[in-house]
Amino acid sequence: MAFAVARPGALRPFSAQCGPSVRLAKPGLLRTPAIAARPRVQTNAAALSVPVNQLTDEERAQLARELGYKSIGRELPDNVTLTDIVKSMPSEVFELDHGKAWRAVLTSVTAMAACLYLISISPWYLLPFAWALAGTAFTGFFVIGHDCGHRSFHKNNLVEDIVGHIMFAPLIYPFEPWRIKHNHHHAHTNKLVEDTAWHPVTEADMSKWDPTSAFLYKVFLGTPLKLWASVGHWLVWHFDLNKYTEKQRPRVVISLAVVYGFMALAFPSLIYYTGVWGLVKYWLMPWLGYHFWMSTFTVVHHTAPHIPFKKAEEWNAAKAQLSGTVHCDFPEWVEFLTHDISWHVPHHVSSKIPWYNLRKATESLRQNWGQYMTECTFNWRVVKNICTECHVYDEAVNYKPFDYKQEEPLFAIQRKVLPDTATF
């Protein structure tokens, strides 16, 4: 991966757009006062593309600040394998603790029950806060089912299948279809064509869009609505039997039956006792809150200006899982209710690590491989770049925005009005 670096000069200004070519038509993209005060690079011809691993520590630190990250890692050496990284972690991070696993279930169920009660007593002007809290608690259900899908919840796979289906049912998420596609994502993280999570749009895709399709893609993937894009992923990937092999379909059908059964029982009952508004109030809004976190966690973990998608013949598992996954700190209450799913790098190094060992595993990775990791605290600048700049795949520069040819009002307005700070 290369960024455009102006030469000569001891400290070289970087382009903060999601692609290293220096497209400085947007002055606001050079953010830090020290960078903004320097003479501006005006053309691509005035810049030299330099791989991240050739940048000095000072230059990488400067780039990290400009893009909203605490650190941007060096490129992992080609001879390091994923097995090397896994073996560097202490064996105890892979150990299952059934007590901790079941306490997580109790925590999430209790938190969700408390949130539903809070919703029931909240005046209208406090409902958004109650919904946000409920959506976060709802996400805990997903994380428990997520561990079941990775076989890191219990030593008995039947128990994991039962718990996974139960925790996913209120989310209307078919457990087995999700498990199959999610494991595919882990096996092909940041691999072009294959990865099913936050795969960038290609120019070939764009060439097929009619004006209506182009508008919809830009609205839903090029604005903060992107933070709910997992709703589309949920619909597209998990309900179509044609996306699964003959061998997979029997288990997929069972999962679909569980989801449809839950809907057939829960939704009419909720409407009967609380009306249609009750369905919106007690289920839909918390569900949208869950999808906010589902989208936000995953897009921040897997979309960054300096992290490339690679063709199959160029793809490297160790680089994709360690250096291609971002560690992002969120508020403590969010991490508590979502069972540390944001401590995501070790989960991609080995999905067999249960959620309650992710912090210890992260510290081990930091000690042994920290110089190759990207880290941030959830902040406006990271979100703004992801929403307004990281859209279209480009082999030379990783990402470029939808309006890379000519700035469009939809994106110009966002670049001007969305907060641009490294805090939240």
Protein backbone atom coordinates (compact mmCIF):
# COMPACT_ATOMS: atom_id res chain seq x y z
CA MET A 1 0.00 0.00 0.00
CA ALA A 2 1.39 3.41 -0.91
CA PHE A 3 0.61 6.97 0.09
CA ALA A 4 1.58 10.04 -1.86
CA VAL A 5 4.44 11.79 -0.13
CA ALA A 6 5.86 15.05 -1.37
CA ARG A 7 9.61 15.26 -1.71
CA PRO A 8 11.88 16.83 -0.76
CA GLY A 9 11.31 17.85 2.86
CA ALA A 10 11.90 16.36 6.26
CA LEU A 11 8.19 16.17 7.04
CA ARG A 12 6.13 15.50 3.95
CA PRO A 13 2.46 16.39 3.69
CA PHE A 14 0.09 13.48 3.09
CA SER A 15 -3.23 13.32 1.31
CA ALA A 16 -5.89 12.39 3.84
CA GLN A 17 -8.37 11.19 1.29
CA CYS A 18 -9.00 7.45 1.12
CA GLY A 19 -6.34 6.91 -1.45
CA PRO A 20 -2.78 8.05 -1.56
CA SER A 21 -2.89 10.10 -4.74
CA VAL A 22 -2.70 13.77 -3.85
CA ARG A 23 -6.11 15.12 -4.77
CA LEU A 24 -6.08 18.37 -2.90
CA ALA A 25 -9.15 20.01 -4.33
CA LYS A 26 -10.59 19.65 -0.84
CA PRO A 27 -8.46 21.85 1.42
CA GLY A 28 -10.20 20.58 4.54
CA LEU A 29 -8.61 17.17 4.11
CA LEU A 30 -5.27 18.49 5.33
CA ARG A 31 -6.23 18.73 8.94
CA THR A 32 -3.47 19.21 11.44
CA PRO A 33 -2.26 22.80 11.89
CA ALA A 34 1.35 21.81 11.27
CA ILE A 35 0.47 20.15 7.99
CA ALA A 36 -1.94 22.83 6.86
CA ALA A 37 0.68 25.52 7.43
CA ARG A 38 3.13 23.95 5.00
CA PRO A 39 3.17 24.64 1.26
CA ARG A 40 0.54 22.47 -0.42
CA VAL A 41 1.27 19.83 -3.04
CA GLN A 42 -0.79 20.80 -6.06
CA THR A 43 -0.45 17.90 -8.50
CA ASN A 44 0.21 14.20 -8.59
CA ALA A 45 3.36 14.90 -10.58
CA ALA A 46 4.79 16.68 -7.55
CA ALA A 47 4.47 13.61 -5.35
CA LEU A 48 6.20 10.27 -5.06
CA SER A 49 4.24 7.22 -3.95
CA VAL A 50 5.96 5.59 -0.98
CA PRO A 51 4.82 2.31 0.65
CA VAL A 52 3.83 2.58 4.30
CA ASN A 53 6.72 0.35 5.32
CA GLN A 54 9.13 2.88 3.78
CA LEU A 55 7.79 5.77 5.83
CA THR A 56 9.69 6.84 8.90
CA ASP A 57 8.10 6.44 12.32
CA GLU A 58 7.55 10.19 12.37
CA GLU A 59 5.81 10.13 9.00
CA ARG A 60 3.53 7.26 9.99
CA ALA A 61 2.66 9.06 13.21
CA GLN A 62 1.85 12.19 11.21
CA LEU A 63 -0.32 10.20 8.83
CA ALA A 64 -2.10 8.52 11.74
CA ARG A 65 -2.94 11.88 13.32
CA GLU A 66 -4.21 13.25 10.03
CA LEU A 67 -6.52 10.28 9.48
CA GLY A 68 -7.75 10.05 13.09
CA TYR A 69 -5.78 6.99 14.24
CA LYS A 70 -3.57 6.63 17.29
CA SER A 71 -1.11 4.56 15.31
CA ILE A 72 -0.65 3.07 11.85
CA GLY A 73 1.49 -0.02 11.79
CA ARG A 74 4.38 -0.92 9.59
CA GLU A 75 3.83 -3.51 6.89
CA LEU A 76 4.13 -7.05 8.26
CA PRO A 77 7.10 -8.93 6.77
CA ASP A 78 6.18 -11.42 4.05
CA ASN A 79 7.76 -14.34 5.89
CA VAL A 80 5.50 -14.02 8.95
CA THR A 81 2.63 -16.50 8.87
CA LEU A 82 -0.69 -16.47 10.68
CA THR A 83 0.46 -19.57 12.56
CA ASP A 84 3.47 -17.61 13.85
CA ILE A 85 1.16 -14.97 15.27
CA VAL A 86 -1.25 -17.49 16.81
CA LYS A 87 1.60 -19.37 18.49
CA SER A 88 2.91 -16.15 20.02
CA MET A 89 -0.21 -15.78 22.18
CA PRO A 90 -0.51 -17.48 25.58
CA SER A 91 -2.46 -20.73 25.53
CA GLU A 92 -4.89 -19.54 28.19
CA VAL A 93 -6.53 -17.05 25.79
CA PHE A 94 -7.98 -20.03 23.91
CA GLU A 95 -9.45 -21.67 27.02
CA LEU A 96 -13.23 -21.74 27.40
CA ASP A 97 -14.83 -20.73 30.69
CA HIS A 98 -18.45 -21.85 30.72
CA GLY A 99 -19.18 -19.72 33.77
CA LYS A 100 -18.12 -16.53 32.01
CA ALA A 101 -20.01 -17.55 28.89
CA TRP A 102 -23.29 -18.10 30.74
CA ARG A 103 -22.82 -14.92 32.79
CA ALA A 104 -22.64 -13.05 29.49
CA VAL A 105 -26.03 -14.50 28.54
CA LEU A 106 -27.44 -13.42 31.91
CA THR A 107 -25.92 -9.95 31.51
CA SER A 108 -27.41 -9.42 28.05
CA VAL A 109 -30.85 -10.76 28.92
CA THR A 110 -30.98 -8.67 32.11
CA ALA A 111 -29.74 -5.56 30.32
CA MET A 112 -32.29 -5.97 27.54
CA ALA A 113 -35.12 -6.51 30.02
CA ALA A 114 -34.07 -3.38 31.90
CA CYS A 115 -33.92 -1.41 28.66
CA LEU A 116 -37.40 -2.53 27.62
CA TYR A 117 -38.70 -1.43 31.01
CA LEU A 118 -36.90 1.89 30.57
CA ILE A 119 -38.57 2.30 27.17
CA SER A 120 -41.97 1.59 28.72
CA ILE A 121 -41.64 4.38 31.30
CA SER A 122 -39.77 6.97 29.22
CA PRO A 123 -41.54 10.11 28.02
CA TRP A 124 -41.32 10.68 24.28
CA TYR A 125 -38.33 13.02 24.52
CA LEU A 126 -36.24 10.38 26.34
CA LEU A 127 -37.14 7.52 24.03
CA PRO A 128 -34.16 8.07 21.68
CA PHE A 129 -31.79 7.58 24.62
CA ALA A 130 -33.65 4.48 25.78
CA TRP A 131 -33.61 3.09 22.24
CA ALA A 132 -29.88 3.73 21.91
CA LEU A 133 -29.24 1.89 25.16
CA ALA A 134 -31.53 -0.97 24.13
CA GLY A 135 -29.86 -1.25 20.74
CA THR A 136 -26.49 -1.57 22.45
CA ALA A 137 -27.83 -4.26 24.78
CA PHE A 138 -29.38 -6.01 21.78
CA THR A 139 -25.91 -6.14 20.23
CA GLY A 140 -24.81 -8.26 23.18
CA PHE A 141 -27.24 -10.94 21.96
CA PHE A 142 -25.44 -10.95 18.63
CA VAL A 143 -22.00 -11.24 20.22
CA ILE A 144 -23.04 -14.30 22.23
CA GLY A 145 -24.47 -15.93 19.12
CA HIS A 146 -21.33 -14.87 17.28
CA ASP A 147 -19.16 -16.85 19.71
CA CYS A 148 -21.49 -19.81 19.28
CA GLY A 149 -20.99 -19.62 15.53
CA HIS A 150 -17.22 -19.66 15.99
CA ARG A 151 -17.41 -22.58 18.45
CA SER A 152 -15.90 -20.45 21.20
CA PHE A 153 -18.91 -20.38 23.56
CA HIS A 154 -19.19 -23.99 24.80
CA LYS A 155 -17.44 -27.32 24.35
CA ASN A 156 -20.69 -28.88 23.15
CA ASN A 157 -21.59 -27.85 19.60
CA LEU A 158 -25.27 -28.70 20.09
CA VAL A 159 -25.42 -26.27 23.02
CA GLU A 160 -23.81 -23.64 20.81
CA ASP A 161 -26.31 -24.22 18.02
CA ILE A 162 -29.25 -23.92 20.42
CA VAL A 163 -27.94 -20.81 22.17
CA GLY A 164 -26.91 -19.26 18.86
CA HIS A 165 -30.39 -19.70 17.39
CA ILE A 166 -32.05 -18.36 20.55
CA MET A 167 -29.85 -15.26 20.74
CA PHE A 168 -30.19 -14.52 17.03
CA ALA A 169 -33.96 -15.06 16.82
CA PRO A 170 -35.00 -11.65 18.28
CA LEU A 171 -32.59 -10.02 15.83
CA ILE A 172 -34.36 -11.86 12.96
CA TYR A 173 -30.94 -13.16 12.02
CA PRO A 174 -30.83 -16.72 10.64
CA PHE A 175 -27.99 -18.31 12.60
CA GLU A 176 -26.67 -20.91 10.14
CA PRO A 177 -26.67 -18.66 7.04
CA TRP A 178 -24.86 -16.01 9.04
CA ARG A 179 -22.35 -18.57 10.39
CA ILE A 180 -21.51 -19.83 6.90
CA LYS A 181 -21.05 -16.39 5.35
CA HIS A 182 -19.25 -14.99 8.38
CA ASN A 183 -16.73 -17.82 8.41
CA HIS A 184 -16.16 -17.11 4.71
CA HIS A 185 -15.39 -13.51 5.66
CA HIS A 186 -12.81 -14.73 8.17
CA ALA A 187 -11.20 -17.01 5.62
CA HIS A 188 -10.99 -14.23 3.01
CA THR A 189 -10.71 -10.98 4.98
CA ASN A 190 -9.88 -8.05 2.68
CA LYS A 191 -9.65 -10.30 -0.37
CA LEU A 192 -11.15 -8.86 -3.53
CA VAL A 193 -14.29 -10.60 -4.80
CA GLU A 194 -14.33 -13.13 -1.94
CA ASP A 195 -14.82 -11.05 1.22
CA THR A 196 -18.49 -10.56 2.06
CA ALA A 197 -17.98 -7.74 4.59
CA TRP A 198 -17.52 -4.14 3.45
CA HIS A 199 -16.16 -5.06 0.06
CA PRO A 200 -15.51 -1.78 -1.79
CA VAL A 201 -17.47 -0.80 -4.86
CA THR A 202 -15.53 -1.27 -8.10
CA GLU A 203 -15.58 0.87 -11.22
CA ALA A 204 -17.06 -2.13 -13.03
CA ASP A 205 -19.95 -2.05 -10.56
CA MET A 206 -20.45 1.67 -11.11
CA SER A 207 -20.54 1.26 -14.88
CA LYS A 208 -23.65 -0.92 -14.53
CA TRP A 209 -25.61 1.56 -12.45
CA ASP A 210 -28.50 3.51 -13.89
CA PRO A 211 -29.03 7.01 -12.42
CA THR A 212 -31.43 5.73 -9.74
CA SER A 213 -29.08 2.96 -8.65
CA ALA A 214 -26.15 5.36 -8.58
CA PHE A 215 -28.09 7.77 -6.38
CA LEU A 216 -29.14 5.03 -3.95
CA TYR A 217 -25.65 3.58 -3.66
CA LYS A 218 -24.18 7.00 -3.01
CA VAL A 219 -26.81 7.84 -0.40
CA PHE A 220 -26.56 4.56 1.50
CA LEU A 221 -22.81 3.96 1.16
CA GLY A 222 -21.52 7.52 0.88
CA THR A 223 -23.22 9.23 3.82
CA PRO A 224 -23.64 8.46 7.55
CA LEU A 225 -26.47 6.12 6.50
CA LYS A 226 -23.56 3.75 5.87
CA LEU A 227 -23.64 3.16 9.62
CA TRP A 228 -26.86 1.19 9.08
CA ALA A 229 -25.73 -0.60 5.91
CA SER A 230 -25.68 -3.95 7.71
CA VAL A 231 -29.45 -3.97 7.21
CA GLY A 232 -28.79 -4.42 3.50
CA HIS A 233 -26.15 -7.07 4.16
CA TRP A 234 -28.64 -8.92 6.39
CA LEU A 235 -31.26 -8.93 3.63
CA VAL A 236 -28.98 -9.80 0.73
CA TRP A 237 -26.87 -12.58 2.21
CA HIS A 238 -28.99 -14.57 4.65
CA PHE A 239 -32.41 -15.41 3.21
CA ASP A 240 -31.63 -16.69 -0.29
CA LEU A 241 -31.22 -20.47 -0.42
CA ASN A 242 -29.48 -20.15 -3.77
CA LYS A 243 -26.46 -18.69 -1.99
CA TYR A 244 -25.86 -22.00 -0.21
CA THR A 245 -24.76 -25.45 -1.33
CA GLU A 246 -27.02 -28.50 -1.28
CA LYS A 247 -25.11 -29.78 1.75
CA GLN A 248 -25.61 -26.49 3.63
CA ARG A 249 -29.29 -26.00 2.87
CA PRO A 250 -30.90 -28.34 5.45
CA ARG A 251 -29.30 -26.44 8.34
CA VAL A 252 -30.03 -23.13 6.62
CA VAL A 253 -33.71 -24.07 6.34
CA ILE A 254 -33.83 -24.87 10.07
CA SER A 255 -32.41 -21.44 10.89
CA LEU A 256 -34.88 -19.72 8.59
CA ALA A 257 -37.72 -21.66 10.23
CA VAL A 258 -36.57 -20.47 13.67
CA VAL A 259 -36.55 -16.85 12.52
CA TYR A 260 -39.92 -17.06 10.78
CA GLY A 261 -41.36 -18.89 13.77
CA PHE A 262 -40.17 -16.16 16.12
CA MET A 263 -41.69 -13.50 13.87
CA ALA A 264 -44.98 -15.41 13.64
CA LEU A 265 -45.29 -15.64 17.42
CA ALA A 266 -43.63 -12.48 18.74
CA PHE A 267 -44.73 -9.81 16.29
CA PRO A 268 -48.50 -10.51 16.32
CA SER A 269 -48.40 -10.82 20.11
CA LEU A 270 -46.59 -7.52 20.47
CA ILE A 271 -49.04 -5.81 18.13
CA TYR A 272 -52.03 -7.38 19.92
CA TYR A 273 -50.96 -6.09 23.34
CA THR A 274 -49.24 -2.81 22.42
CA GLY A 275 -50.40 -1.94 18.90
CA VAL A 276 -48.28 -1.27 15.83
CA TRP A 277 -46.54 1.53 17.71
CA GLY A 278 -45.52 -1.06 20.30
CA LEU A 279 -43.77 -3.09 17.61
CA VAL A 280 -41.90 0.03 16.53
CA LYS A 281 -41.21 1.14 20.08
CA TYR A 282 -40.09 -2.12 21.65
CA TRP A 283 -38.53 -3.97 18.73
CA LEU A 284 -37.86 -1.95 15.56
CA MET A 285 -36.03 0.98 17.14
CA PRO A 286 -33.76 -1.20 19.35
CA TRP A 287 -33.18 -3.39 16.29
CA LEU A 288 -32.04 -0.36 14.29
CA GLY A 289 -29.81 0.54 17.23
CA TYR A 290 -28.29 -2.92 17.02
CA HIS A 291 -27.65 -2.47 13.30
CA PHE A 292 -25.93 0.84 14.00
CA TRP A 293 -23.40 -0.97 16.14
CA MET A 294 -23.23 -3.94 13.80
CA SER A 295 -22.34 -1.62 10.92
CA THR A 296 -20.12 0.72 12.89
CA PHE A 297 -18.00 -1.94 14.54
CA THR A 298 -17.41 -3.86 11.35
CA VAL A 299 -16.79 -0.93 9.02
CA VAL A 300 -14.31 0.69 11.42
CA HIS A 301 -12.55 -2.65 11.88
CA HIS A 302 -12.25 -3.37 8.17
CA THR A 303 -12.19 -0.06 6.30
CA ALA A 304 -9.25 2.33 6.52
CA PRO A 305 -7.43 4.45 3.93
CA HIS A 306 -4.16 2.55 4.27
CA ILE A 307 -5.60 -0.98 4.46
CA PRO A 308 -5.88 -2.57 1.03
CA PHE A 309 -8.12 -5.21 -0.46
CA LYS A 310 -5.93 -7.64 -2.39
CA LYS A 311 -6.38 -9.94 -5.35
CA ALA A 312 -6.29 -13.64 -4.46
CA GLU A 313 -2.80 -14.13 -5.88
CA GLU A 314 -1.45 -11.21 -3.81
CA TRP A 315 -3.42 -11.84 -0.61
CA ASN A 316 -1.54 -12.68 2.59
CA ALA A 317 -3.51 -14.14 5.51
CA ALA A 318 -1.25 -12.78 8.25
CA LYS A 319 -1.26 -9.26 6.82
CA ALA A 320 -5.02 -9.30 6.28
CA GLN A 321 -5.90 -10.51 9.77
CA LEU A 322 -3.32 -8.65 11.89
CA SER A 323 -2.50 -5.51 9.92
CA GLY A 324 -5.75 -5.43 7.95
CA THR A 325 -7.97 -5.29 11.04
CA VAL A 326 -8.23 -2.10 13.10
CA HIS A 327 -8.38 -2.03 16.89
CA CYS A 328 -10.83 0.67 17.97
CA ASP A 329 -11.60 1.71 21.55
CA PHE A 330 -15.22 2.57 22.31
CA PRO A 331 -16.80 3.96 25.50
CA GLU A 332 -16.56 1.48 28.37
CA TRP A 333 -20.34 1.08 28.71
CA VAL A 334 -20.55 0.13 25.02
CA GLU A 335 -17.75 -2.41 25.36
CA PHE A 336 -19.41 -3.87 28.47
CA LEU A 337 -22.82 -4.33 26.86
CA THR A 338 -21.31 -5.67 23.62
CA HIS A 339 -18.90 -8.07 25.33
CA ASP A 340 -15.68 -6.54 24.00
CA ILE A 341 -16.45 -7.29 20.36
CA SER A 342 -14.52 -4.10 19.53
CA TRP A 343 -11.30 -5.81 20.66
CA HIS A 344 -11.32 -7.33 17.24
CA VAL A 345 -7.77 -7.95 16.06
CA PRO A 346 -7.14 -11.18 18.04
CA HIS A 347 -10.54 -12.44 16.92
CA HIS A 348 -9.30 -12.25 13.34
CA VAL A 349 -5.98 -13.82 14.21
CA SER A 350 -7.93 -16.74 15.71
CA SER A 351 -11.71 -16.88 15.91
CA LYS A 352 -11.42 -19.59 18.59
CA ILE A 353 -10.62 -16.97 21.24
CA PRO A 354 -13.76 -16.40 23.39
CA TRP A 355 -14.86 -12.82 23.92
CA TYR A 356 -13.76 -12.66 27.58
CA ASN A 357 -10.14 -13.35 26.58
CA LEU A 358 -9.93 -10.77 23.80
CA ARG A 359 -8.36 -8.08 26.00
CA LYS A 360 -5.59 -10.36 27.20
CA ALA A 361 -5.02 -11.58 23.65
CA THR A 362 -4.84 -7.98 22.41
CA GLU A 363 -2.20 -7.11 24.99
CA SER A 364 -0.17 -10.11 23.87
CA LEU A 365 -0.41 -9.00 20.25
CA ARG A 366 0.62 -5.48 21.21
CA GLN A 367 3.72 -6.79 22.98
CA ASN A 368 4.79 -9.04 20.12
CA TRP A 369 3.34 -7.43 17.00
CA GLY A 370 2.20 -3.96 18.04
CA GLN A 371 4.40 -2.18 15.51
CA TYR A 372 2.28 -3.75 12.74
CA MET A 373 -1.13 -2.88 14.19
CA THR A 374 -3.46 0.05 13.50
CA GLU A 375 -5.32 1.48 16.49
CA CYS A 376 -7.75 4.31 17.13
CA THR A 377 -10.35 5.59 19.52
CA PHE A 378 -13.79 5.94 17.94
CA ASN A 379 -13.87 9.51 16.62
CA TRP A 380 -15.49 11.81 14.10
CA ARG A 381 -12.50 11.98 11.76
CA VAL A 382 -12.36 8.23 11.22
CA VAL A 383 -16.12 8.10 10.66
CA LYS A 384 -16.08 11.08 8.30
CA ASN A 385 -13.36 9.58 6.11
CA ILE A 386 -15.13 6.23 5.96
CA CYS A 387 -18.46 7.81 5.04
CA THR A 388 -17.31 10.46 2.57
CA GLU A 389 -14.07 9.13 1.06
CA CYS A 390 -13.69 5.33 1.27
CA HIS A 391 -15.95 4.16 -1.53
CA VAL A 392 -14.44 2.87 -4.77
CA TYR A 393 -11.64 0.32 -5.04
CA ASP A 394 -8.55 1.43 -6.92
CA GLU A 395 -5.59 -0.92 -7.22
CA ALA A 396 -3.09 1.93 -7.06
CA VAL A 397 -4.55 3.89 -4.16
CA ASN A 398 -6.90 1.47 -2.32
CA TYR A 399 -9.91 3.76 -2.09
CA LYS A 400 -11.23 6.81 -3.82
CA PRO A 401 -14.55 8.62 -3.27
CA PHE A 402 -17.61 8.24 -5.47
CA ASP A 403 -17.00 11.74 -6.80
CA TYR A 404 -13.32 11.27 -7.61
CA LYS A 405 -13.79 12.71 -11.11
CA GLN A 406 -15.67 15.82 -10.03
CA GLU A 407 -16.85 16.79 -6.58
CA GLU A 408 -20.60 16.38 -6.11
CA PRO A 409 -22.84 18.44 -3.79
CA LEU A 410 -23.84 15.38 -1.71
CA PHE A 411 -20.24 14.86 -0.67
CA ALA A 412 -19.12 18.49 -0.70
CA ILE A 413 -21.77 19.35 1.90
CA GLN A 414 -20.78 16.46 4.15
CA ARG A 415 -17.09 17.31 3.93
CA LYS A 416 -17.94 20.81 5.04
CA VAL A 417 -20.47 20.15 7.81
CA LEU A 418 -19.53 16.80 9.38
CA PRO A 419 -17.31 17.21 12.44
CA ASP A 420 -13.64 16.69 11.75
CA THR A 421 -12.08 16.04 15.14
CA ALA A 422 -10.13 13.11 16.53
CA THR A 423 -12.61 12.87 19.41
CA PHE A 424 -16.30 12.09 19.75
